[in-house]
Amino acid sequence: MDRYDAHQALEDLEDEARLPHPVRLRDMILRVRLDPATALEINRKFQDYLARYGETERLARTILESITAQVPKSS
């Protein structure tokens, strides 16, 4: 893959994100035994992760869509 290919980056974003998907992360959290205080703290962090994950994915998508709509520079 060409690391400067915006079309490929957009496709990669569609196929798989680099960060764990929030559902998988939630499942990882649910598979461990946590005391109530730790569970509450992890849940707060997870909610923040969930919000930031969505924001980051939307921002990356808009940047990549803008780039892919442009004409590349000639070499």
Protein backbone atom coordinates (compact mmCIF):
# COMPACT_ATOMS: atom_id res chain seq x y z
CA MET A 1 0.00 0.00 0.00
CA ASP A 2 1.20 3.48 -0.84
CA ARG A 3 1.26 5.32 2.47
CA TYR A 4 0.25 8.55 0.73
CA ASP A 5 -2.76 7.10 -1.08
CA ALA A 6 -5.80 8.87 0.39
CA HIS A 7 -8.19 6.53 -1.44
CA GLN A 8 -6.53 3.53 0.22
CA ALA A 9 -6.61 5.26 3.62
CA LEU A 10 -10.31 5.95 3.22
CA GLU A 11 -10.89 2.33 2.23
CA ASP A 12 -8.87 1.16 5.25
CA LEU A 13 -11.00 3.37 7.47
CA GLU A 14 -14.09 1.73 6.00
CA ASP A 15 -12.68 -1.79 6.48
CA GLU A 16 -11.02 -1.56 9.86
CA ALA A 17 -10.02 1.11 12.29
CA ARG A 18 -6.68 0.96 14.02
CA LEU A 19 -8.22 1.43 17.45
CA PRO A 20 -10.31 -1.36 18.96
CA HIS A 21 -13.94 -0.91 18.02
CA PRO A 22 -15.96 0.24 21.05
CA VAL A 23 -18.04 -2.96 21.03
CA ARG A 24 -14.90 -5.10 21.21
CA LEU A 25 -13.44 -2.90 23.93
CA ARG A 26 -16.70 -3.17 25.90
CA ASP A 27 -16.57 -6.95 25.52
CA MET A 28 -12.98 -6.97 26.79
CA ILE A 29 -14.09 -4.99 29.84
CA LEU A 30 -17.02 -7.33 30.49
CA ARG A 31 -14.75 -10.40 30.43
CA VAL A 32 -12.80 -9.34 33.52
CA ARG A 33 -13.91 -9.31 37.14
CA LEU A 34 -13.88 -5.78 38.53
CA ASP A 35 -14.68 -4.39 41.95
CA PRO A 36 -17.43 -1.73 41.90
CA ALA A 37 -15.10 1.28 42.21
CA THR A 38 -12.84 0.07 39.39
CA ALA A 39 -15.85 -0.81 37.25
CA LEU A 40 -17.24 2.70 37.69
CA GLU A 41 -13.90 4.32 36.79
CA ILE A 42 -13.40 2.09 33.73
CA ASN A 43 -16.97 2.79 32.62
CA ARG A 44 -16.30 6.54 32.78
CA LYS A 45 -13.14 6.10 30.73
CA PHE A 46 -14.99 3.88 28.27
CA GLN A 47 -17.71 6.50 27.77
CA ASP A 48 -15.00 9.07 27.01
CA TYR A 49 -13.34 6.59 24.62
CA LEU A 50 -16.65 5.98 22.90
CA ALA A 51 -17.27 9.69 22.33
CA ARG A 52 -13.73 10.39 21.14
CA TYR A 53 -13.70 7.31 18.91
CA GLY A 54 -16.76 8.53 17.04
CA GLU A 55 -15.44 12.09 16.78
CA THR A 56 -12.04 10.93 15.51
CA GLU A 57 -13.57 8.59 12.95
CA ARG A 58 -15.87 11.35 11.63
CA LEU A 59 -13.00 13.85 11.45
CA ALA A 60 -10.71 11.38 9.64
CA ARG A 61 -13.48 10.54 7.18
CA THR A 62 -14.10 14.21 6.28
CA ILE A 63 -10.38 14.85 5.82
CA LEU A 64 -9.94 11.77 3.62
CA GLU A 65 -13.05 12.55 1.58
CA SER A 66 -11.74 16.07 0.95
CA ILE A 67 -8.35 14.74 -0.12
CA THR A 68 -9.73 12.06 -2.40
CA ALA A 69 -11.85 14.68 -4.20
CA GLN A 70 -8.71 16.62 -5.20
CA VAL A 71 -6.43 16.14 -8.18
CA PRO A 72 -3.01 14.78 -7.14
CA LYS A 73 0.15 16.77 -7.91
CA SER A 74 2.08 15.59 -10.92
CA SER A 75 5.49 14.10 -10.16
